Amino acid sequence: KFFQQRAEFYIIENPNKTIYNHPVKSITLYFLDGTLSKTKY
């Protein structure tokens, strides 16, 4: 958590997911002020 905890980042390694049938290696979730604002697969 950064910037007085207004920005939070979560990293999920080896999620049991695919996108267009291709495996996902990790997912990064970006929260700003408690709201999920960005995802990176």
All heavy atoms as atom14 arrays in JSON, in Angstrom:
{
  "sequence": "KFFQQRAEFYIIENPNKTIYNHPVKSITLYFLDGTLSKTKY",
  "atom14_mask": [
    [1, 1, 1, 1, 1, 1, 1, 1, 1, 0, 0, 0, 0, 0],
    [1, 1, 1, 1, 1, 1, 1, 1, 1, 1, 1, 0, 0, 0],
    [1, 1, 1, 1, 1, 1, 1, 1, 1, 1, 1, 0, 0, 0],
    [1, 1, 1, 1, 1, 1, 1, 1, 1, 0, 0, 0, 0, 0],
    [1, 1, 1, 1, 1, 1, 1, 1, 1, 0, 0, 0, 0, 0],
    [1, 1, 1, 1, 1, 1, 1, 1, 1, 1, 1, 0, 0, 0],
    [1, 1, 1, 1, 1, 0, 0, 0, 0, 0, 0, 0, 0, 0],
    [1, 1, 1, 1, 1, 1, 1, 1, 1, 0, 0, 0, 0, 0],
    [1, 1, 1, 1, 1, 1, 1, 1, 1, 1, 1, 0, 0, 0],
    [1, 1, 1, 1, 1, 1, 1, 1, 1, 1, 1, 1, 0, 0],
    [1, 1, 1, 1, 1, 1, 1, 1, 0, 0, 0, 0, 0, 0],
    [1, 1, 1, 1, 1, 1, 1, 1, 0, 0, 0, 0, 0, 0],
    [1, 1, 1, 1, 1, 1, 1, 1, 1, 0, 0, 0, 0, 0],
    [1, 1, 1, 1, 1, 1, 1, 1, 0, 0, 0, 0, 0, 0],
    [1, 1, 1, 1, 1, 1, 1, 0, 0, 0, 0, 0, 0, 0],
    [1, 1, 1, 1, 1, 1, 1, 1, 0, 0, 0, 0, 0, 0],
    [1, 1, 1, 1, 1, 1, 1, 1, 1, 0, 0, 0, 0, 0],
    [1, 1, 1, 1, 1, 1, 1, 0, 0, 0, 0, 0, 0, 0],
    [1, 1, 1, 1, 1, 1, 1, 1, 0, 0, 0, 0, 0, 0],
    [1, 1, 1, 1, 1, 1, 1, 1, 1, 1, 1, 1, 0, 0],
    [1, 1, 1, 1, 1, 1, 1, 1, 0, 0, 0, 0, 0, 0],
    [1, 1, 1, 1, 1, 1, 1, 1, 1, 1, 0, 0, 0, 0],
    [1, 1, 1, 1, 1, 1, 1, 0, 0, 0, 0, 0, 0, 0],
    [1, 1, 1, 1, 1, 1, 1, 0, 0, 0, 0, 0, 0, 0],
    [1, 1, 1, 1, 1, 1, 1, 1, 1, 0, 0, 0, 0, 0],
    [1, 1, 1, 1, 1, 1, 0, 0, 0, 0, 0, 0, 0, 0],
    [1, 1, 1, 1, 1, 1, 1, 1, 0, 0, 0, 0, 0, 0],
    [1, 1, 1, 1, 1, 1, 1, 0, 0, 0, 0, 0, 0, 0],
    [1, 1, 1, 1, 1, 1, 1, 1, 0, 0, 0, 0, 0, 0],
    [1, 1, 1, 1, 1, 1, 1, 1, 1, 1, 1, 1, 0, 0],
    [1, 1, 1, 1, 1, 1, 1, 1, 1, 1, 1, 0, 0, 0],
    [1, 1, 1, 1, 1, 1, 1, 1, 0, 0, 0, 0, 0, 0],
    [1, 1, 1, 1, 1, 1, 1, 1, 0, 0, 0, 0, 0, 0],
    [1, 1, 1, 1, 0, 0, 0, 0, 0, 0, 0, 0, 0, 0],
    [1, 1, 1, 1, 1, 1, 1, 0, 0, 0, 0, 0, 0, 0],
    [1, 1, 1, 1, 1, 1, 1, 1, 0, 0, 0, 0, 0, 0],
    [1, 1, 1, 1, 1, 1, 0, 0, 0, 0, 0, 0, 0, 0],
    [1, 1, 1, 1, 1, 1, 1, 1, 1, 0, 0, 0, 0, 0],
    [1, 1, 1, 1, 1, 1, 1, 0, 0, 0, 0, 0, 0, 0],
    [1, 1, 1, 1, 1, 1, 1, 1, 1, 0, 0, 0, 0, 0],
    [1, 1, 1, 1, 1, 1, 1, 1, 1, 1, 1, 1, 0, 0]
  ],
  "atom14_positions": [
    [[0.85, -1.18, 0.0], [0.0, 0.0, 0.0], [0.89, 1.24, 0.0], [1.88, 1.28, 0.74], [-0.92, 0.0, 1.23], [-1.88, -1.18, 1.28], [-2.83, -1.07, 2.48], [-3.78, -2.25, 2.53], [-4.76, -2.13, 3.64], [0.0, 0.0, 0.0], [0.0, 0.0, 0.0], [0.0, 0.0, 0.0], [0.0, 0.0, 0.0], [0.0, 0.0, 0.0]],
    [[0.52, 2.23, -0.8], [1.37, 3.41, -0.98], [0.54, 4.68, -0.96], [-0.69, 4.63, -1.05], [2.14, 3.29, -2.3], [2.9, 1.99, -2.43], [2.34, 0.91, -3.1], [4.16, 1.85, -1.87], [3.02, -0.28, -3.21], [4.86, 0.65, -1.98], [4.28, -0.42, -2.65], [0.0, 0.0, 0.0], [0.0, 0.0, 0.0], [0.0, 0.0, 0.0]],
    [[1.24, 5.82, -0.87], [0.59, 7.13, -0.89], [-0.52, 7.19, 0.17], [-1.69, 7.37, -0.13], [0.04, 7.45, -2.28], [1.08, 7.4, -3.36], [1.01, 6.46, -4.37], [2.15, 8.28, -3.35], [1.98, 6.4, -5.36], [3.13, 8.23, -4.34], [3.05, 7.29, -5.34], [0.0, 0.0, 0.0], [0.0, 0.0, 0.0], [0.0, 0.0, 0.0]],
    [[-0.09, 7.02, 1.42], [-0.99, 7.04, 2.57], [-2.13, 6.03, 2.4], [-3.27, 6.29, 2.74], [-1.53, 8.45, 2.81], [-0.43, 9.43, 3.22], [-0.97, 10.77, 3.66], [-2.09, 11.15, 3.31], [-0.17, 11.5, 4.4], [0.0, 0.0, 0.0], [0.0, 0.0, 0.0], [0.0, 0.0, 0.0], [0.0, 0.0, 0.0], [0.0, 0.0, 0.0]],
    [[-1.78, 4.88, 1.84], [-2.68, 3.73, 1.65], [-3.83, 4.02, 0.69], [-4.79, 3.25, 0.61], [-3.23, 3.26, 3.01], [-2.13, 2.84, 3.96], [-2.65, 2.12, 5.19], [-3.79, 1.69, 5.24], [-1.8, 1.98, 6.18], [0.0, 0.0, 0.0], [0.0, 0.0, 0.0], [0.0, 0.0, 0.0], [0.0, 0.0, 0.0], [0.0, 0.0, 0.0]],
    [[-3.71, 5.07, -0.12], [-4.76, 5.34, -1.11], [-4.57, 4.47, -2.36], [-5.51, 4.29, -3.14], [-4.74, 6.82, -1.51], [-5.18, 7.75, -0.38], [-5.27, 9.18, -0.86], [-6.31, 9.32, -1.88], [-6.53, 10.45, -2.56], [-5.77, 11.51, -2.33], [-7.48, 10.51, -3.47], [0.0, 0.0, 0.0], [0.0, 0.0, 0.0], [0.0, 0.0, 0.0]],
    [[-3.38, 3.94, -2.55], [-3.1, 3.04, -3.67], [-2.69, 1.68, -3.12], [-1.77, 1.6, -2.3], [-2.0, 3.62, -4.56], [0.0, 0.0, 0.0], [0.0, 0.0, 0.0], [0.0, 0.0, 0.0], [0.0, 0.0, 0.0], [0.0, 0.0, 0.0], [0.0, 0.0, 0.0], [0.0, 0.0, 0.0], [0.0, 0.0, 0.0], [0.0, 0.0, 0.0]],
    [[-3.38, 0.62, -3.57], [-3.1, -0.74, -3.1], [-2.88, -1.63, -4.32], [-3.58, -1.5, -5.33], [-4.27, -1.3, -2.29], [-4.66, -0.45, -1.1], [-5.95, -0.95, -0.47], [-6.11, -2.17, -0.35], [-6.79, -0.11, -0.12], [0.0, 0.0, 0.0], [0.0, 0.0, 0.0], [0.0, 0.0, 0.0], [0.0, 0.0, 0.0], [0.0, 0.0, 0.0]],
    [[-1.95, -2.56, -4.19], [-1.62, -3.43, -5.31], [-1.58, -4.89, -4.83], [-0.98, -5.2, -3.81], [-0.27, -3.04, -5.92], [-0.19, -1.59, -6.3], [0.36, -0.66, -5.42], [-0.71, -1.15, -7.5], [0.4, 0.68, -5.75], [-0.68, 0.18, -7.83], [-0.12, 1.11, -6.96], [0.0, 0.0, 0.0], [0.0, 0.0, 0.0], [0.0, 0.0, 0.0]],
    [[-2.24, -5.75, -5.59], [-2.32, -7.17, -5.27], [-1.79, -7.97, -6.46], [-2.13, -7.67, -7.6], [-3.76, -7.6, -4.98], [-4.38, -6.88, -3.8], [-4.88, -5.59, -3.93], [-4.45, -7.49, -2.55], [-5.45, -4.93, -2.85], [-5.01, -6.84, -1.46], [-5.51, -5.55, -1.62], [-6.06, -4.9, -0.54], [0.0, 0.0, 0.0], [0.0, 0.0, 0.0]],
    [[-0.97, -8.98, -6.2], [-0.44, -9.83, -7.26], [-0.83, -11.28, -6.98], [-0.5, -11.82, -5.92], [1.09, -9.7, -7.37], [1.49, -8.26, -7.69], [1.62, -10.65, -8.46], [2.98, -8.03, -7.76], [0.0, 0.0, 0.0], [0.0, 0.0, 0.0], [0.0, 0.0, 0.0], [0.0, 0.0, 0.0], [0.0, 0.0, 0.0], [0.0, 0.0, 0.0]],
    [[-1.54, -11.88, -7.92], [-1.99, -13.27, -7.8], [-1.18, -14.11, -8.77], [-1.32, -13.98, -9.99], [-3.49, -13.39, -8.11], [-4.3, -12.44, -7.21], [-3.96, -14.83, -7.94], [-5.74, -12.27, -7.65], [0.0, 0.0, 0.0], [0.0, 0.0, 0.0], [0.0, 0.0, 0.0], [0.0, 0.0, 0.0], [0.0, 0.0, 0.0], [0.0, 0.0, 0.0]],
    [[-0.3, -14.94, -8.24], [0.54, -15.79, -9.07], [-0.19, -17.1, -9.4], [-0.91, -17.65, -8.58], [1.85, -16.12, -8.34], [2.7, -14.9, -8.01], [3.38, -14.29, -9.21], [3.28, -14.88, -10.31], [4.01, -13.23, -9.04], [0.0, 0.0, 0.0], [0.0, 0.0, 0.0], [0.0, 0.0, 0.0], [0.0, 0.0, 0.0], [0.0, 0.0, 0.0]],
    [[0.02, -17.58, -10.62], [-0.56, -18.85, -11.08], [-2.07, -18.96, -10.83], [-2.54, -19.94, -10.24], [0.15, -20.03, -10.41], [1.62, -20.06, -10.72], [2.04, -19.77, -11.83], [2.43, -20.41, -9.73], [0.0, 0.0, 0.0], [0.0, 0.0, 0.0], [0.0, 0.0, 0.0], [0.0, 0.0, 0.0], [0.0, 0.0, 0.0], [0.0, 0.0, 0.0]],
    [[-2.84, -17.97, -11.27], [-4.29, -18.09, -11.12], [-4.82, -19.18, -12.04], [-4.25, -19.45, -13.1], [-4.8, -16.71, -11.56], [-3.78, -16.24, -12.53], [-2.45, -16.75, -12.01], [0.0, 0.0, 0.0], [0.0, 0.0, 0.0], [0.0, 0.0, 0.0], [0.0, 0.0, 0.0], [0.0, 0.0, 0.0], [0.0, 0.0, 0.0], [0.0, 0.0, 0.0]],
    [[-5.89, -19.8, -11.64], [-6.48, -20.88, -12.43], [-7.39, -20.26, -13.5], [-8.61, -20.43, -13.47], [-7.26, -21.81, -11.52], [-7.64, -23.1, -12.21], [-7.01, -23.5, -13.18], [-8.66, -23.76, -11.72], [0.0, 0.0, 0.0], [0.0, 0.0, 0.0], [0.0, 0.0, 0.0], [0.0, 0.0, 0.0], [0.0, 0.0, 0.0], [0.0, 0.0, 0.0]],
    [[-6.77, -19.52, -14.45], [-7.52, -18.77, -15.44], [-6.89, -18.91, -16.82], [-5.68, -19.16, -16.95], [-7.56, -17.29, -15.09], [-8.27, -16.97, -13.79], [-9.77, -17.16, -13.91], [-10.48, -16.86, -12.61], [-11.92, -17.12, -12.71], [0.0, 0.0, 0.0], [0.0, 0.0, 0.0], [0.0, 0.0, 0.0], [0.0, 0.0, 0.0], [0.0, 0.0, 0.0]],
    [[-7.72, -18.73, -17.84], [-7.22, -18.57, -19.21], [-7.94, -17.39, -19.84], [-9.05, -17.02, -19.43], [-7.46, -19.82, -20.08], [-8.87, -20.03, -20.22], [-6.81, -21.05, -19.48], [0.0, 0.0, 0.0], [0.0, 0.0, 0.0], [0.0, 0.0, 0.0], [0.0, 0.0, 0.0], [0.0, 0.0, 0.0], [0.0, 0.0, 0.0], [0.0, 0.0, 0.0]],
    [[-7.31, -16.78, -20.82], [-7.94, -15.77, -21.67], [-7.79, -16.23, -23.1], [-6.68, -16.49, -23.56], [-7.32, -14.37, -21.47], [-7.54, -13.9, -20.02], [-7.91, -13.36, -22.44], [-6.99, -12.52, -19.73], [0.0, 0.0, 0.0], [0.0, 0.0, 0.0], [0.0, 0.0, 0.0], [0.0, 0.0, 0.0], [0.0, 0.0, 0.0], [0.0, 0.0, 0.0]],
    [[-8.9, -16.36, -23.8], [-8.91, -16.92, -25.15], [-8.14, -18.25, -25.17], [-7.33, -18.5, -26.06], [-8.32, -15.93, -26.16], [-9.16, -14.69, -26.34], [-8.73, -13.47, -25.83], [-10.37, -14.74, -27.02], [-9.49, -12.32, -25.99], [-11.14, -13.59, -27.17], [-10.7, -12.39, -26.65], [-11.46, -11.25, -26.82], [0.0, 0.0, 0.0], [0.0, 0.0, 0.0]],
    [[-8.37, -19.06, -24.16], [-7.79, -20.4, -24.04], [-6.28, -20.4, -23.8], [-5.65, -21.46, -23.86], [-8.11, -21.26, -25.27], [-9.6, -21.51, -25.41], [-10.27, -21.8, -24.43], [-10.1, -21.4, -26.63], [0.0, 0.0, 0.0], [0.0, 0.0, 0.0], [0.0, 0.0, 0.0], [0.0, 0.0, 0.0], [0.0, 0.0, 0.0], [0.0, 0.0, 0.0]],
    [[-5.7, -19.24, -23.5], [-4.27, -19.17, -23.18], [-4.09, -18.98, -21.68], [-4.75, -18.12, -21.08], [-3.61, -18.02, -23.94], [-3.6, -18.2, -25.42], [-2.95, -19.25, -26.04], [-4.18, -17.47, -26.41], [-3.11, -19.16, -27.35], [-3.86, -18.1, -27.6], [0.0, 0.0, 0.0], [0.0, 0.0, 0.0], [0.0, 0.0, 0.0], [0.0, 0.0, 0.0]],
    [[-3.2, -19.75, -21.04], [-3.03, -19.66, -19.59], [-2.56, -18.28, -19.13], [-1.78, -17.61, -19.8], [-1.95, -20.72, -19.3], [-2.02, -21.66, -20.46], [-2.38, -20.82, -21.64], [0.0, 0.0, 0.0], [0.0, 0.0, 0.0], [0.0, 0.0, 0.0], [0.0, 0.0, 0.0], [0.0, 0.0, 0.0], [0.0, 0.0, 0.0], [0.0, 0.0, 0.0]],
    [[-3.08, -17.88, -17.97], [-2.66, -16.64, -17.31], [-1.59, -16.98, -16.28], [-1.77, -17.85, -15.43], [-3.87, -15.96, -16.61], [-3.41, -14.73, -15.84], [-4.94, -15.6, -17.63], [0.0, 0.0, 0.0], [0.0, 0.0, 0.0], [0.0, 0.0, 0.0], [0.0, 0.0, 0.0], [0.0, 0.0, 0.0], [0.0, 0.0, 0.0], [0.0, 0.0, 0.0]],
    [[-0.45, -16.29, -16.36], [0.66, -16.54, -15.43], [0.48, -15.78, -14.12], [0.82, -16.29, -13.04], [1.98, -16.15, -16.1], [2.3, -17.0, -17.32], [3.41, -16.41, -18.15], [4.73, -16.35, -17.42], [5.82, -15.85, -18.3], [0.0, 0.0, 0.0], [0.0, 0.0, 0.0], [0.0, 0.0, 0.0], [0.0, 0.0, 0.0], [0.0, 0.0, 0.0]],
    [[0.0, -14.56, -14.21], [-0.23, -13.77, -13.0], [-1.24, -12.66, -13.3], [-1.43, -12.28, -14.45], [1.08, -13.16, -12.47], [1.54, -12.15, -13.33], [0.0, 0.0, 0.0], [0.0, 0.0, 0.0], [0.0, 0.0, 0.0], [0.0, 0.0, 0.0], [0.0, 0.0, 0.0], [0.0, 0.0, 0.0], [0.0, 0.0, 0.0], [0.0, 0.0, 0.0]],
    [[-1.86, -12.18, -12.22], [-2.8, -11.06, -12.32], [-2.37, -10.01, -11.31], [-2.15, -10.32, -10.13], [-4.25, -11.48, -12.03], [-4.67, -12.65, -12.92], [-5.21, -10.3, -12.22], [-6.03, -13.23, -12.56], [0.0, 0.0, 0.0], [0.0, 0.0, 0.0], [0.0, 0.0, 0.0], [0.0, 0.0, 0.0], [0.0, 0.0, 0.0], [0.0, 0.0, 0.0]],
    [[-2.26, -8.76, -11.73], [-1.98, -7.64, -10.83], [-3.21, -6.76, -10.77], [-3.73, -6.35, -11.81], [-0.77, -6.82, -11.29], [0.37, -7.68, -11.43], [-0.45, -5.72, -10.29], [0.0, 0.0, 0.0], [0.0, 0.0, 0.0], [0.0, 0.0, 0.0], [0.0, 0.0, 0.0], [0.0, 0.0, 0.0], [0.0, 0.0, 0.0], [0.0, 0.0, 0.0]],
    [[-3.69, -6.49, -9.55], [-4.87, -5.66, -9.33], [-4.44, -4.33, -8.73], [-3.67, -4.29, -7.77], [-5.85, -6.36, -8.4], [-6.28, -7.77, -8.8], [-7.21, -8.36, -7.73], [-6.97, -7.77, -10.14], [0.0, 0.0, 0.0], [0.0, 0.0, 0.0], [0.0, 0.0, 0.0], [0.0, 0.0, 0.0], [0.0, 0.0, 0.0], [0.0, 0.0, 0.0]],
    [[-4.94, -3.24, -9.29], [-4.58, -1.89, -8.87], [-5.82, -1.23, -8.26], [-6.79, -0.96, -8.97], [-4.1, -1.06, -10.04], [-2.94, -1.64, -10.8], [-3.09, -2.74, -11.66], [-1.66, -1.07, -10.71], [-2.01, -3.25, -12.36], [-0.59, -1.58, -11.42], [-0.77, -2.67, -12.24], [0.29, -3.19, -12.95], [0.0, 0.0, 0.0], [0.0, 0.0, 0.0]],
    [[-5.79, -0.96, -6.96], [-6.89, -0.3, -6.28], [-6.5, 1.15, -5.99], [-5.41, 1.41, -5.48], [-7.2, -0.99, -4.95], [-7.98, -2.26, -5.08], [-7.35, -3.45, -5.4], [-9.35, -2.27, -4.87], [-8.07, -4.63, -5.51], [-10.08, -3.44, -4.98], [-9.44, -4.63, -5.31], [0.0, 0.0, 0.0], [0.0, 0.0, 0.0], [0.0, 0.0, 0.0]],
    [[-7.4, 2.09, -6.29], [-7.23, 3.48, -5.91], [-8.41, 3.88, -5.05], [-9.57, 3.74, -5.47], [-7.15, 4.39, -7.15], [-5.99, 4.12, -8.11], [-6.03, 5.11, -9.27], [-4.64, 4.18, -7.41], [0.0, 0.0, 0.0], [0.0, 0.0, 0.0], [0.0, 0.0, 0.0], [0.0, 0.0, 0.0], [0.0, 0.0, 0.0], [0.0, 0.0, 0.0]],
    [[-8.13, 4.34, -3.84], [-9.18, 4.72, -2.89], [-10.23, 3.62, -2.74], [-11.44, 3.87, -2.7], [-9.85, 6.03, -3.33], [-8.92, 7.23, -3.2], [-8.04, 7.19, -2.32], [-9.07, 8.19, -3.98], [0.0, 0.0, 0.0], [0.0, 0.0, 0.0], [0.0, 0.0, 0.0], [0.0, 0.0, 0.0], [0.0, 0.0, 0.0], [0.0, 0.0, 0.0]],
    [[-9.77, 2.38, -2.65], [-10.64, 1.26, -2.38], [-11.39, 0.72, -3.58], [-12.18, -0.22, -3.45], [0.0, 0.0, 0.0], [0.0, 0.0, 0.0], [0.0, 0.0, 0.0], [0.0, 0.0, 0.0], [0.0, 0.0, 0.0], [0.0, 0.0, 0.0], [0.0, 0.0, 0.0], [0.0, 0.0, 0.0], [0.0, 0.0, 0.0], [0.0, 0.0, 0.0]],
    [[-11.17, 1.27, -4.76], [-11.88, 0.84, -5.97], [-10.92, 0.15, -6.93], [-9.85, 0.71, -7.22], [-12.53, 2.04, -6.68], [-13.49, 2.64, -5.8], [-13.23, 1.62, -7.96], [0.0, 0.0, 0.0], [0.0, 0.0, 0.0], [0.0, 0.0, 0.0], [0.0, 0.0, 0.0], [0.0, 0.0, 0.0], [0.0, 0.0, 0.0], [0.0, 0.0, 0.0]],
    [[-11.27, -1.03, -7.41], [-10.45, -1.69, -8.42], [-10.49, -0.85, -9.69], [-11.54, -0.7, -10.32], [-10.98, -3.1, -8.7], [-10.22, -3.89, -9.77], [-8.75, -4.06, -9.38], [-10.87, -5.24, -10.01], [0.0, 0.0, 0.0], [0.0, 0.0, 0.0], [0.0, 0.0, 0.0], [0.0, 0.0, 0.0], [0.0, 0.0, 0.0], [0.0, 0.0, 0.0]],
    [[-9.35, -0.32, -10.07], [-9.3, 0.63, -11.19], [-8.51, 0.12, -12.38], [-8.58, 0.7, -13.46], [-8.68, 1.95, -10.7], [-9.43, 2.48, -9.62], [0.0, 0.0, 0.0], [0.0, 0.0, 0.0], [0.0, 0.0, 0.0], [0.0, 0.0, 0.0], [0.0, 0.0, 0.0], [0.0, 0.0, 0.0], [0.0, 0.0, 0.0], [0.0, 0.0, 0.0]],
    [[-7.72, -0.94, -12.17], [-6.91, -1.47, -13.27], [-6.56, -2.92, -12.97], [-6.31, -3.28, -11.82], [-5.64, -0.63, -13.43], [-4.7, -1.06, -14.54], [-3.53, -0.08, -14.65], [-2.53, -0.47, -15.69], [-1.42, 0.49, -15.79], [0.0, 0.0, 0.0], [0.0, 0.0, 0.0], [0.0, 0.0, 0.0], [0.0, 0.0, 0.0], [0.0, 0.0, 0.0]],
    [[-6.55, -3.75, -14.0], [-6.08, -5.12, -13.89], [-5.07, -5.39, -15.0], [-5.24, -4.93, -16.12], [-7.23, -6.15, -14.0], [-7.86, -6.03, -15.28], [-8.26, -5.94, -12.91], [0.0, 0.0, 0.0], [0.0, 0.0, 0.0], [0.0, 0.0, 0.0], [0.0, 0.0, 0.0], [0.0, 0.0, 0.0], [0.0, 0.0, 0.0], [0.0, 0.0, 0.0]],
    [[-4.04, -6.16, -14.65], [-3.04, -6.55, -15.65], [-2.85, -8.05, -15.58], [-2.54, -8.6, -14.52], [-1.7, -5.85, -15.42], [-0.66, -6.19, -16.47], [0.67, -5.51, -16.19], [1.39, -6.17, -15.03], [2.74, -5.62, -14.8], [0.0, 0.0, 0.0], [0.0, 0.0, 0.0], [0.0, 0.0, 0.0], [0.0, 0.0, 0.0], [0.0, 0.0, 0.0]],
    [[-3.07, -8.72, -16.71], [-2.88, -10.17, -16.81], [-1.58, -10.43, -17.58], [-1.41, -9.96, -18.71], [-4.02, -10.82, -17.59], [-5.39, -10.67, -16.97], [-6.1, -9.48, -17.07], [-5.98, -11.74, -16.29], [-7.36, -9.34, -16.51], [-7.24, -11.61, -15.73], [-7.93, -10.42, -15.84], [-9.18, -10.28, -15.29], [0.0, 0.0, 0.0], [0.0, 0.0, 0.0]]
  ]
}
